[in-house]
Amino acid sequence: MEKKLITAIYPGSFDPITLGHLDILKRASTLFDKVIIAIAINSEKKPLFSKKTRLKMIKDVTSNIPNIEVDNFTGLLVDYAKNKNAEVIIRGIRALSDYEYEFNMALINRSLEESITTTFLVAHQNYTHLSSSLVREVAGLGGDVSNLVPKNVIEELKRKLDAND
């Protein structure tokens, strides 16, 4: 009997990718045959980093993980997942408040596409406080984010914030 390969989608804005995202991603890469990091592109949001820059930052920090693919999408996540033949959506949970929101999203996604399962991965305790928006805020106020994001993201943050001066 041939082993079925399982593809999972890890969606998010990743503006920027954090060490918390990377922790979830590394663990997911050991659970699934292929993990697609799917950058959600929402025309109503104004991200700090362009789609191109986010793709580059993520590719740089995941280049040593062989079963990772980086992509972007617009529209419904379940439609994107179906187009990629993915069976699983990965969501990271930092706190109980995350769970309530993510639980509702999982139910909506299941109602839209029964064949796709949402899997929750609990954040490492070192990252339960961490979010991209907090990283942007701390960096924008001149704070040290070196323990929150990969090195290449620090460089991009400096470049972006210096350009906005």
Protein backbone atom coordinates (compact mmCIF):
# COMPACT_ATOMS: atom_id res chain seq x y z
CA MET A 1 0.00 0.00 0.00
CA GLU A 2 1.39 3.38 -1.01
CA LYS A 3 1.76 6.03 1.68
CA LYS A 4 -0.49 9.03 1.22
CA LEU A 5 1.41 12.32 1.21
CA ILE A 6 -0.19 15.05 3.29
CA THR A 7 0.11 18.71 2.38
CA ALA A 8 -0.64 21.38 4.97
CA ILE A 9 -1.13 25.12 4.58
CA TYR A 10 0.19 27.55 7.19
CA PRO A 11 -1.59 30.81 6.34
CA GLY A 12 -0.97 34.29 7.70
CA SER A 13 0.09 37.80 6.86
CA PHE A 14 3.64 37.23 8.19
CA ASP A 15 4.22 40.99 8.34
CA PRO A 16 6.91 40.18 9.42
CA ILE A 17 7.57 36.51 10.14
CA THR A 18 8.50 36.04 13.82
CA LEU A 19 10.36 33.40 15.80
CA GLY A 20 6.94 32.22 16.98
CA HIS A 21 5.85 31.63 13.38
CA LEU A 22 9.13 29.83 12.73
CA ASP A 23 8.63 27.59 15.77
CA ILE A 24 5.16 26.53 14.58
CA LEU A 25 6.49 26.05 11.05
CA LYS A 26 9.44 23.86 12.09
CA ARG A 27 7.18 21.62 14.16
CA ALA A 28 4.60 21.41 11.36
CA SER A 29 7.33 20.40 8.91
CA THR A 30 7.97 17.29 11.03
CA LEU A 31 4.27 16.36 11.06
CA PHE A 32 3.39 16.80 7.37
CA ASP A 33 5.04 15.79 4.13
CA LYS A 34 4.76 19.28 2.68
CA VAL A 35 3.97 22.61 4.34
CA ILE A 36 3.01 25.61 2.25
CA ILE A 37 3.47 28.94 3.96
CA ALA A 38 0.67 30.95 2.40
CA ILE A 39 0.94 34.70 2.73
CA ALA A 40 -2.55 36.14 2.79
CA ILE A 41 -2.82 39.21 0.58
CA ASN A 42 -5.66 41.45 1.71
CA SER A 43 -6.13 44.59 -0.39
CA GLU A 44 -7.89 46.32 2.53
CA LYS A 45 -4.87 46.00 4.84
CA LYS A 46 -1.78 48.15 4.62
CA PRO A 47 1.14 45.85 5.45
CA LEU A 48 4.52 47.24 6.45
CA PHE A 49 6.29 44.94 3.98
CA SER A 50 5.41 44.27 0.37
CA LYS A 51 4.37 40.81 -0.75
CA LYS A 52 7.75 40.44 -2.50
CA THR A 53 9.71 41.34 0.64
CA ARG A 54 7.66 39.01 2.84
CA LEU A 55 8.19 36.16 0.37
CA LYS A 56 11.94 36.80 0.35
CA MET A 57 12.23 37.03 4.15
CA ILE A 58 10.33 33.78 4.62
CA LYS A 59 12.24 31.94 1.89
CA ASP A 60 15.52 33.06 3.45
CA VAL A 61 14.68 31.74 6.92
CA THR A 62 13.14 28.49 5.70
CA SER A 63 15.69 27.56 3.02
CA ASN A 64 17.11 24.83 5.27
CA ILE A 65 13.73 23.08 5.67
CA PRO A 66 13.33 20.86 2.59
CA ASN A 67 9.57 20.27 2.70
CA ILE A 68 8.58 23.95 2.86
CA GLU A 69 7.11 25.95 0.02
CA VAL A 70 6.34 29.69 0.20
CA ASP A 71 3.47 31.20 -1.73
CA ASN A 72 0.78 33.88 -1.47
CA PHE A 73 -2.94 33.93 -2.06
CA THR A 74 -6.01 36.11 -2.19
CA GLY A 75 -9.57 35.05 -1.60
CA LEU A 76 -10.85 32.16 0.48
CA LEU A 77 -8.26 30.02 2.23
CA VAL A 78 -10.21 26.82 1.60
CA ASP A 79 -10.26 27.54 -2.15
CA TYR A 80 -6.51 28.07 -2.11
CA ALA A 81 -6.03 24.87 -0.08
CA LYS A 82 -8.15 22.87 -2.56
CA ASN A 83 -6.13 24.26 -5.47
CA LYS A 84 -2.93 23.12 -3.72
CA ASN A 85 -4.40 19.69 -2.86
CA ALA A 86 -3.88 20.44 0.81
CA GLU A 87 -5.85 18.57 3.43
CA VAL A 88 -4.78 20.49 6.52
CA ILE A 89 -4.74 24.10 7.66
CA ILE A 90 -2.25 24.81 10.44
CA ARG A 91 -3.03 27.48 13.00
CA GLY A 92 -0.85 28.53 15.92
CA ILE A 93 -2.49 29.15 19.28
CA ARG A 94 -0.82 31.50 21.78
CA ALA A 95 -3.61 32.03 24.31
CA LEU A 96 -7.20 31.14 25.04
CA SER A 97 -8.35 34.22 23.12
CA ASP A 98 -6.59 32.88 20.00
CA TYR A 99 -8.37 29.56 20.42
CA GLU A 100 -11.83 31.10 20.45
CA TYR A 101 -11.17 33.04 17.24
CA GLU A 102 -9.39 30.15 15.51
CA PHE A 103 -12.08 27.67 16.59
CA ASN A 104 -14.73 29.81 14.87
CA MET A 105 -12.57 30.14 11.74
CA ALA A 106 -12.06 26.34 11.68
CA LEU A 107 -15.82 25.83 11.86
CA ILE A 108 -16.44 28.27 9.01
CA ASN A 109 -13.73 26.67 6.89
CA ARG A 110 -15.17 23.21 7.57
CA SER A 111 -18.63 24.41 6.55
CA LEU A 112 -17.12 25.69 3.28
CA GLU A 113 -14.99 22.60 2.64
CA GLU A 114 -15.57 19.45 4.68
CA SER A 115 -12.44 17.70 3.39
CA ILE A 116 -10.00 20.20 4.92
CA THR A 117 -9.04 19.80 8.58
CA THR A 118 -7.68 22.55 10.81
CA THR A 119 -4.87 21.51 13.15
CA PHE A 120 -3.94 23.72 16.08
CA LEU A 121 -0.34 23.86 17.29
CA VAL A 122 0.22 25.47 20.66
CA ALA A 123 2.91 28.14 20.67
CA HIS A 124 6.09 27.52 22.63
CA GLN A 125 5.89 29.35 25.96
CA ASN A 126 8.73 31.65 24.84
CA TYR A 127 6.47 33.04 22.11
CA THR A 128 2.99 33.26 23.66
CA HIS A 129 3.27 37.06 23.87
CA LEU A 130 4.59 37.49 20.35
CA SER A 131 2.77 38.87 17.32
CA SER A 132 3.82 40.60 14.11
CA SER A 133 1.93 43.74 15.13
CA LEU A 134 3.87 43.94 18.42
CA VAL A 135 7.14 43.47 16.53
CA ARG A 136 6.23 46.33 14.18
CA GLU A 137 5.28 48.55 17.11
CA VAL A 138 8.41 47.85 19.17
CA ALA A 139 10.70 48.23 16.16
CA GLY A 140 8.92 51.43 15.10
CA LEU A 141 9.58 52.91 18.53
CA GLY A 142 13.27 52.00 18.34
CA GLY A 143 13.11 48.91 20.56
CA ASP A 144 15.26 45.80 20.27
CA VAL A 145 13.43 42.97 18.50
CA SER A 146 16.43 40.67 18.11
CA ASN A 147 14.86 38.04 20.40
CA LEU A 148 11.55 38.18 18.48
CA VAL A 149 12.43 37.80 14.79
CA PRO A 150 15.11 36.15 12.63
CA LYS A 151 18.23 38.20 11.79
CA ASN A 152 17.21 38.86 8.19
CA VAL A 153 13.94 40.38 9.42
CA ILE A 154 15.83 42.76 11.72
CA GLU A 155 17.78 43.98 8.69
CA GLU A 156 14.59 44.47 6.67
CA LEU A 157 12.91 46.29 9.57
CA LYS A 158 15.87 48.67 9.87
CA ARG A 159 15.88 49.28 6.11
CA LYS A 160 12.12 49.91 6.03
CA LEU A 161 12.02 52.13 9.12
CA ASP A 162 15.06 54.13 8.00
CA ALA A 163 13.36 54.72 4.63
CA ASN A 164 10.29 56.09 6.43
CA ASP A 165 12.31 58.70 8.39
